[in-house]
Amino acid sequence: VIPTDNEEDRKQLQERIISLNASMEDQEAKIAQLQ
């Protein structure tokens, strides 16, 4: 719940965001293909 200033946590968070964005784009591509 409480955010930290740790650089590693920020990197992990950014990697997670990038991973989630890639997963979202992949899902959107699958949805477009199914449509």
PDB file of all heavy atoms in Angstrom:
ATOM      1  N   VAL A   1       0.821  -1.207   0.000  1.00  0.00           N
ATOM      2  CA  VAL A   1       0.000   0.000   0.000  1.00  0.00           C
ATOM      3  C   VAL A   1       0.859   1.263   0.000  1.00  0.00           C
ATOM      4  O   VAL A   1       0.590   2.208  -0.746  1.00  0.00           O
ATOM      5  CB  VAL A   1      -0.946  -0.002   1.227  1.00  0.00           C
ATOM      6  CG1 VAL A   1      -1.748   1.269   1.298  1.00  0.00           C
ATOM      7  CG2 VAL A   1      -1.850  -1.211   1.186  1.00  0.00           C
ATOM      8  N   ILE A   2       1.909   1.292   0.812  1.00  0.00           N
ATOM      9  CA  ILE A   2       2.735   2.493   0.954  1.00  0.00           C
ATOM     10  C   ILE A   2       3.857   2.461  -0.084  1.00  0.00           C
ATOM     11  O   ILE A   2       4.634   1.513  -0.136  1.00  0.00           O
ATOM     12  CB  ILE A   2       3.348   2.583   2.379  1.00  0.00           C
ATOM     13  CG1 ILE A   2       2.227   2.658   3.412  1.00  0.00           C
ATOM     14  CG2 ILE A   2       4.271   3.774   2.500  1.00  0.00           C
ATOM     15  CD1 ILE A   2       2.702   2.578   4.835  1.00  0.00           C
ATOM     16  N   PRO A   3       3.952   3.493  -0.943  1.00  0.00           N
ATOM     17  CA  PRO A   3       5.006   3.517  -1.959  1.00  0.00           C
ATOM     18  C   PRO A   3       6.369   3.758  -1.340  1.00  0.00           C
ATOM     19  O   PRO A   3       6.494   4.421  -0.315  1.00  0.00           O
ATOM     20  CB  PRO A   3       4.600   4.690  -2.870  1.00  0.00           C
ATOM     21  CG  PRO A   3       3.747   5.562  -2.018  1.00  0.00           C
ATOM     22  CD  PRO A   3       3.096   4.678  -1.023  1.00  0.00           C
ATOM     23  N   THR A   4       7.418   3.214  -1.951  1.00  0.00           N
ATOM     24  CA  THR A   4       8.785   3.393  -1.464  1.00  0.00           C
ATOM     25  C   THR A   4       9.592   4.120  -2.525  1.00  0.00           C
ATOM     26  O   THR A   4       9.216   4.175  -3.691  1.00  0.00           O
ATOM     27  CB  THR A   4       9.449   2.034  -1.178  1.00  0.00           C
ATOM     28  OG1 THR A   4       9.484   1.296  -2.387  1.00  0.00           O
ATOM     29  CG2 THR A   4       8.688   1.251  -0.134  1.00  0.00           C
ATOM     30  N   ASP A   5      10.718   4.672  -2.115  1.00  0.00           N
ATOM     31  CA  ASP A   5      11.604   5.391  -3.038  1.00  0.00           C
ATOM     32  C   ASP A   5      12.716   4.481  -3.547  1.00  0.00           C
ATOM     33  O   ASP A   5      13.648   4.956  -4.194  1.00  0.00           O
ATOM     34  CB  ASP A   5      12.221   6.603  -2.312  1.00  0.00           C
ATOM     35  CG  ASP A   5      11.181   7.671  -2.049  1.00  0.00           C
ATOM     36  OD1 ASP A   5      10.177   7.688  -2.786  1.00  0.00           O
ATOM     37  OD2 ASP A   5      11.370   8.481  -1.123  1.00  0.00           O
ATOM     38  N   ASN A   6      12.648   3.211  -3.250  1.00  0.00           N
ATOM     39  CA  ASN A   6      13.701   2.284  -3.625  1.00  0.00           C
ATOM     40  C   ASN A   6      13.780   2.188  -5.153  1.00  0.00           C
ATOM     41  O   ASN A   6      12.780   1.988  -5.835  1.00  0.00           O
ATOM     42  CB  ASN A   6      13.372   0.915  -3.005  1.00  0.00           C
ATOM     43  CG  ASN A   6      14.557  -0.024  -3.063  1.00  0.00           C
ATOM     44  OD1 ASN A   6      15.543   0.250  -3.746  1.00  0.00           O
ATOM     45  ND2 ASN A   6      14.446  -1.133  -2.364  1.00  0.00           N
ATOM     46  N   GLU A   7      14.984   2.326  -5.697  1.00  0.00           N
ATOM     47  CA  GLU A   7      15.206   2.303  -7.150  1.00  0.00           C
ATOM     48  C   GLU A   7      14.864   0.936  -7.742  1.00  0.00           C
ATOM     49  O   GLU A   7      14.299   0.853  -8.831  1.00  0.00           O
ATOM     50  CB  GLU A   7      16.671   2.662  -7.451  1.00  0.00           C
ATOM     51  CG  GLU A   7      16.969   2.906  -8.909  1.00  0.00           C
ATOM     52  CD  GLU A   7      16.229   4.112  -9.470  1.00  0.00           C
ATOM     53  OE1 GLU A   7      15.978   5.084  -8.749  1.00  0.00           O
ATOM     54  OE2 GLU A   7      15.892   4.041 -10.667  1.00  0.00           O
ATOM     55  N   GLU A   8      15.197  -0.125  -7.031  1.00  0.00           N
ATOM     56  CA  GLU A   8      14.878  -1.480  -7.514  1.00  0.00           C
ATOM     57  C   GLU A   8      13.373  -1.677  -7.635  1.00  0.00           C
ATOM     58  O   GLU A   8      12.895  -2.259  -8.603  1.00  0.00           O
ATOM     59  CB  GLU A   8      15.465  -2.533  -6.559  1.00  0.00           C
ATOM     60  CG  GLU A   8      16.952  -2.711  -6.688  1.00  0.00           C
ATOM     61  CD  GLU A   8      17.478  -3.788  -5.751  1.00  0.00           C
ATOM     62  OE1 GLU A   8      16.704  -4.725  -5.436  1.00  0.00           O
ATOM     63  OE2 GLU A   8      18.638  -3.702  -5.353  1.00  0.00           O
ATOM     64  N   ASP A   9      12.645  -1.172  -6.643  1.00  0.00           N
ATOM     65  CA  ASP A   9      11.187  -1.281  -6.690  1.00  0.00           C
ATOM     66  C   ASP A   9      10.630  -0.525  -7.894  1.00  0.00           C
ATOM     67  O   ASP A   9       9.707  -0.983  -8.552  1.00  0.00           O
ATOM     68  CB  ASP A   9      10.561  -0.745  -5.403  1.00  0.00           C
ATOM     69  CG  ASP A   9      10.827  -1.662  -4.209  1.00  0.00           C
ATOM     70  OD1 ASP A   9      11.204  -2.828  -4.448  1.00  0.00           O
ATOM     71  OD2 ASP A   9      10.650  -1.206  -3.072  1.00  0.00           O
ATOM     72  N   ARG A  10      11.202   0.625  -8.175  1.00  0.00           N
ATOM     73  CA  ARG A  10      10.755   1.403  -9.333  1.00  0.00           C
ATOM     74  C   ARG A  10      11.019   0.648 -10.635  1.00  0.00           C
ATOM     75  O   ARG A  10      10.176   0.610 -11.513  1.00  0.00           O
ATOM     76  CB  ARG A  10      11.459   2.751  -9.379  1.00  0.00           C
ATOM     77  CG  ARG A  10      10.897   3.744  -8.407  1.00  0.00           C
ATOM     78  CD  ARG A  10      11.471   5.097  -8.627  1.00  0.00           C
ATOM     79  NE  ARG A  10      10.970   6.009  -7.626  1.00  0.00           N
ATOM     80  CZ  ARG A  10      11.410   7.211  -7.437  1.00  0.00           C
ATOM     81  NH1 ARG A  10      12.398   7.675  -8.194  1.00  0.00           N
ATOM     82  NH2 ARG A  10      10.897   7.990  -6.523  1.00  0.00           N
ATOM     83  N   LYS A  11      12.217   0.054 -10.722  1.00  0.00           N
ATOM     84  CA  LYS A  11      12.541  -0.716 -11.930  1.00  0.00           C
ATOM     85  C   LYS A  11      11.596  -1.902 -12.085  1.00  0.00           C
ATOM     86  O   LYS A  11      11.107  -2.184 -13.182  1.00  0.00           O
ATOM     87  CB  LYS A  11      13.993  -1.199 -11.889  1.00  0.00           C
ATOM     88  CG  LYS A  11      14.998  -0.130 -12.201  1.00  0.00           C
ATOM     89  CD  LYS A  11      16.400  -0.695 -12.192  1.00  0.00           C
ATOM     90  CE  LYS A  11      17.428   0.406 -12.461  1.00  0.00           C
ATOM     91  NZ  LYS A  11      18.782  -0.091 -12.404  1.00  0.00           N
ATOM     92  N   GLN A  12      11.361  -2.602 -10.984  1.00  0.00           N
ATOM     93  CA  GLN A  12      10.441  -3.737 -11.025  1.00  0.00           C
ATOM     94  C   GLN A  12       9.034  -3.284 -11.427  1.00  0.00           C
ATOM     95  O   GLN A  12       8.362  -3.947 -12.217  1.00  0.00           O
ATOM     96  CB  GLN A  12      10.388  -4.435  -9.663  1.00  0.00           C
ATOM     97  CG  GLN A  12      11.604  -5.280  -9.354  1.00  0.00           C
ATOM     98  CD  GLN A  12      11.499  -5.933  -7.979  1.00  0.00           C
ATOM     99  OE1 GLN A  12      10.605  -5.625  -7.204  1.00  0.00           O
ATOM    100  NE2 GLN A  12      12.440  -6.829  -7.689  1.00  0.00           N
ATOM    101  N   LEU A  13       8.638  -2.144 -10.876  1.00  0.00           N
ATOM    102  CA  LEU A  13       7.327  -1.608 -11.206  1.00  0.00           C
ATOM    103  C   LEU A  13       7.247  -1.237 -12.689  1.00  0.00           C
ATOM    104  O   LEU A  13       6.257  -1.542 -13.362  1.00  0.00           O
ATOM    105  CB  LEU A  13       7.025  -0.389 -10.331  1.00  0.00           C
ATOM    106  CG  LEU A  13       5.615   0.166 -10.379  1.00  0.00           C
ATOM    107  CD1 LEU A  13       4.614  -0.891  -9.946  1.00  0.00           C
ATOM    108  CD2 LEU A  13       5.497   1.399  -9.511  1.00  0.00           C
ATOM    109  N   GLN A  14       8.305  -0.599 -13.206  1.00  0.00           N
ATOM    110  CA  GLN A  14       8.328  -0.236 -14.629  1.00  0.00           C
ATOM    111  C   GLN A  14       8.317  -1.493 -15.515  1.00  0.00           C
ATOM    112  O   GLN A  14       7.608  -1.543 -16.531  1.00  0.00           O
ATOM    113  CB  GLN A  14       9.549   0.619 -14.949  1.00  0.00           C
ATOM    114  CG  GLN A  14       9.419   2.057 -14.471  1.00  0.00           C
ATOM    115  CD  GLN A  14      10.675   2.867 -14.731  1.00  0.00           C
ATOM    116  OE1 GLN A  14      11.728   2.317 -15.012  1.00  0.00           O
ATOM    117  NE2 GLN A  14      10.545   4.184 -14.610  1.00  0.00           N
ATOM    118  N   GLU A  15       9.109  -2.509 -15.115  1.00  0.00           N
ATOM    119  CA  GLU A  15       9.115  -3.766 -15.873  1.00  0.00           C
ATOM    120  C   GLU A  15       7.733  -4.417 -15.843  1.00  0.00           C
ATOM    121  O   GLU A  15       7.253  -4.940 -16.853  1.00  0.00           O
ATOM    122  CB  GLU A  15      10.159  -4.728 -15.299  1.00  0.00           C
ATOM    123  CG  GLU A  15      11.584  -4.320 -15.599  1.00  0.00           C
ATOM    124  CD  GLU A  15      12.610  -5.188 -14.890  1.00  0.00           C
ATOM    125  OE1 GLU A  15      12.208  -6.175 -14.219  1.00  0.00           O
ATOM    126  OE2 GLU A  15      13.801  -4.885 -15.002  1.00  0.00           O
ATOM    127  N   ARG A  16       7.113  -4.357 -14.701  1.00  0.00           N
ATOM    128  CA  ARG A  16       5.762  -4.923 -14.569  1.00  0.00           C
ATOM    129  C   ARG A  16       4.772  -4.171 -15.466  1.00  0.00           C
ATOM    130  O   ARG A  16       3.933  -4.786 -16.121  1.00  0.00           O
ATOM    131  CB  ARG A  16       5.333  -4.848 -13.112  1.00  0.00           C
ATOM    132  CG  ARG A  16       3.944  -5.334 -12.852  1.00  0.00           C
ATOM    133  CD  ARG A  16       3.965  -6.556 -11.994  1.00  0.00           C
ATOM    134  NE  ARG A  16       2.595  -6.868 -11.597  1.00  0.00           N
ATOM    135  CZ  ARG A  16       2.007  -7.976 -11.895  1.00  0.00           C
ATOM    136  NH1 ARG A  16       2.652  -8.896 -12.558  1.00  0.00           N
ATOM    137  NH2 ARG A  16       0.780  -8.199 -11.523  1.00  0.00           N
ATOM    138  N   ILE A  17       4.897  -2.843 -15.474  1.00  0.00           N
ATOM    139  CA  ILE A  17       4.017  -2.030 -16.320  1.00  0.00           C
ATOM    140  C   ILE A  17       4.247  -2.376 -17.788  1.00  0.00           C
ATOM    141  O   ILE A  17       3.292  -2.552 -18.555  1.00  0.00           O
ATOM    142  CB  ILE A  17       4.234  -0.516 -16.060  1.00  0.00           C
ATOM    143  CG1 ILE A  17       3.690  -0.137 -14.678  1.00  0.00           C
ATOM    144  CG2 ILE A  17       3.593   0.334 -17.145  1.00  0.00           C
ATOM    145  CD1 ILE A  17       4.043   1.253 -14.230  1.00  0.00           C
ATOM    146  N   ILE A  18       5.508  -2.495 -18.184  1.00  0.00           N
ATOM    147  CA  ILE A  18       5.828  -2.839 -19.576  1.00  0.00           C
ATOM    148  C   ILE A  18       5.278  -4.219 -19.914  1.00  0.00           C
ATOM    149  O   ILE A  18       4.689  -4.424 -20.979  1.00  0.00           O
ATOM    150  CB  ILE A  18       7.359  -2.774 -19.814  1.00  0.00           C
ATOM    151  CG1 ILE A  18       7.843  -1.326 -19.757  1.00  0.00           C
ATOM    152  CG2 ILE A  18       7.736  -3.420 -21.138  1.00  0.00           C
ATOM    153  CD1 ILE A  18       9.347  -1.159 -19.714  1.00  0.00           C
ATOM    154  N   SER A  19       5.459  -5.159 -18.985  1.00  0.00           N
ATOM    155  CA  SER A  19       4.946  -6.516 -19.195  1.00  0.00           C
ATOM    156  C   SER A  19       3.422  -6.512 -19.325  1.00  0.00           C
ATOM    157  O   SER A  19       2.857  -7.164 -20.205  1.00  0.00           O
ATOM    158  CB  SER A  19       5.377  -7.409 -18.035  1.00  0.00           C
ATOM    159  OG  SER A  19       4.712  -8.633 -18.070  1.00  0.00           O
ATOM    160  N   LEU A  20       2.762  -5.766 -18.457  1.00  0.00           N
ATOM    161  CA  LEU A  20       1.301  -5.685 -18.515  1.00  0.00           C
ATOM    162  C   LEU A  20       0.834  -5.016 -19.807  1.00  0.00           C
ATOM    163  O   LEU A  20      -0.157  -5.445 -20.407  1.00  0.00           O
ATOM    164  CB  LEU A  20       0.752  -4.936 -17.300  1.00  0.00           C
ATOM    165  CG  LEU A  20       0.827  -5.693 -15.968  1.00  0.00           C
ATOM    166  CD1 LEU A  20       0.422  -4.788 -14.808  1.00  0.00           C
ATOM    167  CD2 LEU A  20      -0.050  -6.920 -15.996  1.00  0.00           C
ATOM    168  N   ASN A  21       1.549  -3.961 -20.240  1.00  0.00           N
ATOM    169  CA  ASN A  21       1.195  -3.298 -21.502  1.00  0.00           C
ATOM    170  C   ASN A  21       1.349  -4.263 -22.679  1.00  0.00           C
ATOM    171  O   ASN A  21       0.497  -4.303 -23.568  1.00  0.00           O
ATOM    172  CB  ASN A  21       2.046  -2.049 -21.735  1.00  0.00           C
ATOM    173  CG  ASN A  21       1.558  -0.871 -20.909  1.00  0.00           C
ATOM    174  OD1 ASN A  21       0.410  -0.831 -20.493  1.00  0.00           O
ATOM    175  ND2 ASN A  21       2.434   0.093 -20.668  1.00  0.00           N
ATOM    176  N   ALA A  22       2.452  -5.032 -22.671  1.00  0.00           N
ATOM    177  CA  ALA A  22       2.668  -6.000 -23.748  1.00  0.00           C
ATOM    178  C   ALA A  22       1.572  -7.061 -23.728  1.00  0.00           C
ATOM    179  O   ALA A  22       1.051  -7.455 -24.775  1.00  0.00           O
ATOM    180  CB  ALA A  22       4.045  -6.653 -23.603  1.00  0.00           C
ATOM    181  N   SER A  23       1.219  -7.514 -22.524  1.00  0.00           N
ATOM    182  CA  SER A  23       0.157  -8.507 -22.392  1.00  0.00           C
ATOM    183  C   SER A  23      -1.170  -7.936 -22.884  1.00  0.00           C
ATOM    184  O   SER A  23      -1.935  -8.621 -23.572  1.00  0.00           O
ATOM    185  CB  SER A  23       0.038  -8.942 -20.931  1.00  0.00           C
ATOM    186  OG  SER A  23      -1.032  -9.813 -20.763  1.00  0.00           O
ATOM    187  N   MET A  24      -1.438  -6.678 -22.548  1.00  0.00           N
ATOM    188  CA  MET A  24      -2.665  -6.025 -23.004  1.00  0.00           C
ATOM    189  C   MET A  24      -2.697  -5.916 -24.531  1.00  0.00           C
ATOM    190  O   MET A  24      -3.724  -6.184 -25.156  1.00  0.00           O
ATOM    191  CB  MET A  24      -2.779  -4.619 -22.396  1.00  0.00           C
ATOM    192  CG  MET A  24      -3.824  -4.531 -21.306  1.00  0.00           C
ATOM    193  SD  MET A  24      -3.917  -2.941 -20.467  1.00  0.00           S
ATOM    194  CE  MET A  24      -3.708  -1.739 -21.700  1.00  0.00           C
ATOM    195  N   GLU A  25      -1.570  -5.523 -25.124  1.00  0.00           N
ATOM    196  CA  GLU A  25      -1.511  -5.408 -26.587  1.00  0.00           C
ATOM    197  C   GLU A  25      -1.713  -6.772 -27.234  1.00  0.00           C
ATOM    198  O   GLU A  25      -2.394  -6.887 -28.259  1.00  0.00           O
ATOM    199  CB  GLU A  25      -0.176  -4.798 -27.018  1.00  0.00           C
ATOM    200  CG  GLU A  25      -0.068  -3.322 -26.705  1.00  0.00           C
ATOM    201  CD  GLU A  25       1.308  -2.753 -27.012  1.00  0.00           C
ATOM    202  OE1 GLU A  25       2.153  -3.473 -27.576  1.00  0.00           O
ATOM    203  OE2 GLU A  25       1.531  -1.575 -26.678  1.00  0.00           O
ATOM    204  N   ASP A  26      -1.119  -7.807 -26.628  1.00  0.00           N
ATOM    205  CA  ASP A  26      -1.290  -9.160 -27.140  1.00  0.00           C
ATOM    206  C   ASP A  26      -2.763  -9.578 -27.072  1.00  0.00           C
ATOM    207  O   ASP A  26      -3.307 -10.137 -28.027  1.00  0.00           O
ATOM    208  CB  ASP A  26      -0.418 -10.126 -26.326  1.00  0.00           C
ATOM    209  CG  ASP A  26      -0.431 -11.533 -26.896  1.00  0.00           C
ATOM    210  OD1 ASP A  26      -0.405 -11.672 -28.132  1.00  0.00           O
ATOM    211  OD2 ASP A  26      -0.459 -12.497 -26.103  1.00  0.00           O
ATOM    212  N   GLN A  27      -3.406  -9.289 -25.944  1.00  0.00           N
ATOM    213  CA  GLN A  27      -4.825  -9.614 -25.787  1.00  0.00           C
ATOM    214  C   GLN A  27      -5.683  -8.833 -26.787  1.00  0.00           C
ATOM    215  O   GLN A  27      -6.621  -9.377 -27.359  1.00  0.00           O
ATOM    216  CB  GLN A  27      -5.300  -9.311 -24.352  1.00  0.00           C
ATOM    217  CG  GLN A  27      -4.696 -10.192 -23.280  1.00  0.00           C
ATOM    218  CD  GLN A  27      -5.050 -11.647 -23.447  1.00  0.00           C
ATOM    219  OE1 GLN A  27      -6.144 -11.974 -23.869  1.00  0.00           O
ATOM    220  NE2 GLN A  27      -4.114 -12.533 -23.152  1.00  0.00           N
ATOM    221  N   GLU A  28      -5.334  -7.556 -26.998  1.00  0.00           N
ATOM    222  CA  GLU A  28      -6.082  -6.744 -27.968  1.00  0.00           C
ATOM    223  C   GLU A  28      -5.913  -7.307 -29.376  1.00  0.00           C
ATOM    224  O   GLU A  28      -6.868  -7.320 -30.162  1.00  0.00           O
ATOM    225  CB  GLU A  28      -5.627  -5.289 -27.909  1.00  0.00           C
ATOM    226  CG  GLU A  28      -6.124  -4.557 -26.669  1.00  0.00           C
ATOM    227  CD  GLU A  28      -5.531  -3.171 -26.525  1.00  0.00           C
ATOM    228  OE1 GLU A  28      -4.696  -2.775 -27.359  1.00  0.00           O
ATOM    229  OE2 GLU A  28      -5.903  -2.487 -25.556  1.00  0.00           O
ATOM    230  N   ALA A  29      -4.704  -7.783 -29.694  1.00  0.00           N
ATOM    231  CA  ALA A  29      -4.471  -8.384 -31.013  1.00  0.00           C
ATOM    232  C   ALA A  29      -5.303  -9.663 -31.160  1.00  0.00           C
ATOM    233  O   ALA A  29      -5.897  -9.902 -32.217  1.00  0.00           O
ATOM    234  CB  ALA A  29      -2.988  -8.694 -31.200  1.00  0.00           C
ATOM    235  N   LYS A  30      -5.352 -10.461 -30.098  1.00  0.00           N
ATOM    236  CA  LYS A  30      -6.160 -11.681 -30.138  1.00  0.00           C
ATOM    237  C   LYS A  30      -7.637 -11.342 -30.306  1.00  0.00           C
ATOM    238  O   LYS A  30      -8.349 -11.996 -31.067  1.00  0.00           O
ATOM    239  CB  LYS A  30      -5.950 -12.514 -28.870  1.00  0.00           C
ATOM    240  CG  LYS A  30      -4.632 -13.244 -28.827  1.00  0.00           C
ATOM    241  CD  LYS A  30      -4.498 -14.046 -27.553  1.00  0.00           C
ATOM    242  CE  LYS A  30      -3.142 -14.738 -27.491  1.00  0.00           C
ATOM    243  NZ  LYS A  30      -2.945 -15.451 -26.226  1.00  0.00           N
ATOM    244  N   ILE A  31      -8.086 -10.316 -29.594  1.00  0.00           N
ATOM    245  CA  ILE A  31      -9.489  -9.892 -29.697  1.00  0.00           C
ATOM    246  C   ILE A  31      -9.777  -9.435 -31.118  1.00  0.00           C
ATOM    247  O   ILE A  31     -10.812  -9.785 -31.697  1.00  0.00           O
ATOM    248  CB  ILE A  31      -9.797  -8.775 -28.674  1.00  0.00           C
ATOM    249  CG1 ILE A  31      -9.826  -9.355 -27.260  1.00  0.00           C
ATOM    250  CG2 ILE A  31     -11.108  -8.068 -28.997  1.00  0.00           C
ATOM    251  CD1 ILE A  31      -9.892  -8.325 -26.160  1.00  0.00           C
ATOM    252  N   ALA A  32      -8.857  -8.648 -31.702  1.00  0.00           N
ATOM    253  CA  ALA A  32      -9.045  -8.177 -33.081  1.00  0.00           C
ATOM    254  C   ALA A  32      -9.094  -9.360 -34.050  1.00  0.00           C
ATOM    255  O   ALA A  32      -9.908  -9.381 -34.978  1.00  0.00           O
ATOM    256  CB  ALA A  32      -7.923  -7.216 -33.457  1.00  0.00           C
ATOM    257  N   GLN A  33      -8.214 -10.342 -33.830  1.00  0.00           N
ATOM    258  CA  GLN A  33      -8.195 -11.523 -34.692  1.00  0.00           C
ATOM    259  C   GLN A  33      -9.510 -12.308 -34.560  1.00  0.00           C
ATOM    260  O   GLN A  33     -10.097 -12.718 -35.561  1.00  0.00           O
ATOM    261  CB  GLN A  33      -7.020 -12.421 -34.320  1.00  0.00           C
ATOM    262  CG  GLN A  33      -6.913 -13.673 -35.172  1.00  0.00           C
ATOM    263  CD  GLN A  33      -5.782 -14.596 -34.720  1.00  0.00           C
ATOM    264  OE1 GLN A  33      -5.097 -14.316 -33.756  1.00  0.00           O
ATOM    265  NE2 GLN A  33      -5.623 -15.694 -35.424  1.00  0.00           N
ATOM    266  N   LEU A  34      -9.970 -12.490 -33.326  1.00  0.00           N
ATOM    267  CA  LEU A  34     -11.233 -13.203 -33.108  1.00  0.00           C
ATOM    268  C   LEU A  34     -12.408 -12.442 -33.728  1.00  0.00           C
ATOM    269  O   LEU A  34     -13.294 -13.049 -34.325  1.00  0.00           O
ATOM    270  CB  LEU A  34     -11.474 -13.414 -31.608  1.00  0.00           C
ATOM    271  CG  LEU A  34     -10.573 -14.442 -30.932  1.00  0.00           C
ATOM    272  CD1 LEU A  34     -10.787 -14.428 -29.429  1.00  0.00           C
ATOM    273  CD2 LEU A  34     -10.819 -15.830 -31.475  1.00  0.00           C
ATOM    274  N   GLN A  35     -12.380 -11.106 -33.610  1.00  0.00           N
ATOM    275  CA  GLN A  35     -13.437 -10.297 -34.208  1.00  0.00           C
ATOM    276  C   GLN A  35     -13.416 -10.447 -35.727  1.00  0.00           C
ATOM    277  O   GLN A  35     -14.463 -10.561 -36.359  1.00  0.00           O
ATOM    278  CB  GLN A  35     -13.270  -8.815 -33.810  1.00  0.00           C
ATOM    279  CG  GLN A  35     -14.410  -7.939 -34.272  1.00  0.00           C
ATOM    280  CD  GLN A  35     -15.742  -8.332 -33.671  1.00  0.00           C
ATOM    281  OE1 GLN A  35     -15.836  -8.584 -32.480  1.00  0.00           O
ATOM    282  NE2 GLN A  35     -16.772  -8.399 -34.486  1.00  0.00           N
TER     283      GLN A  35
END
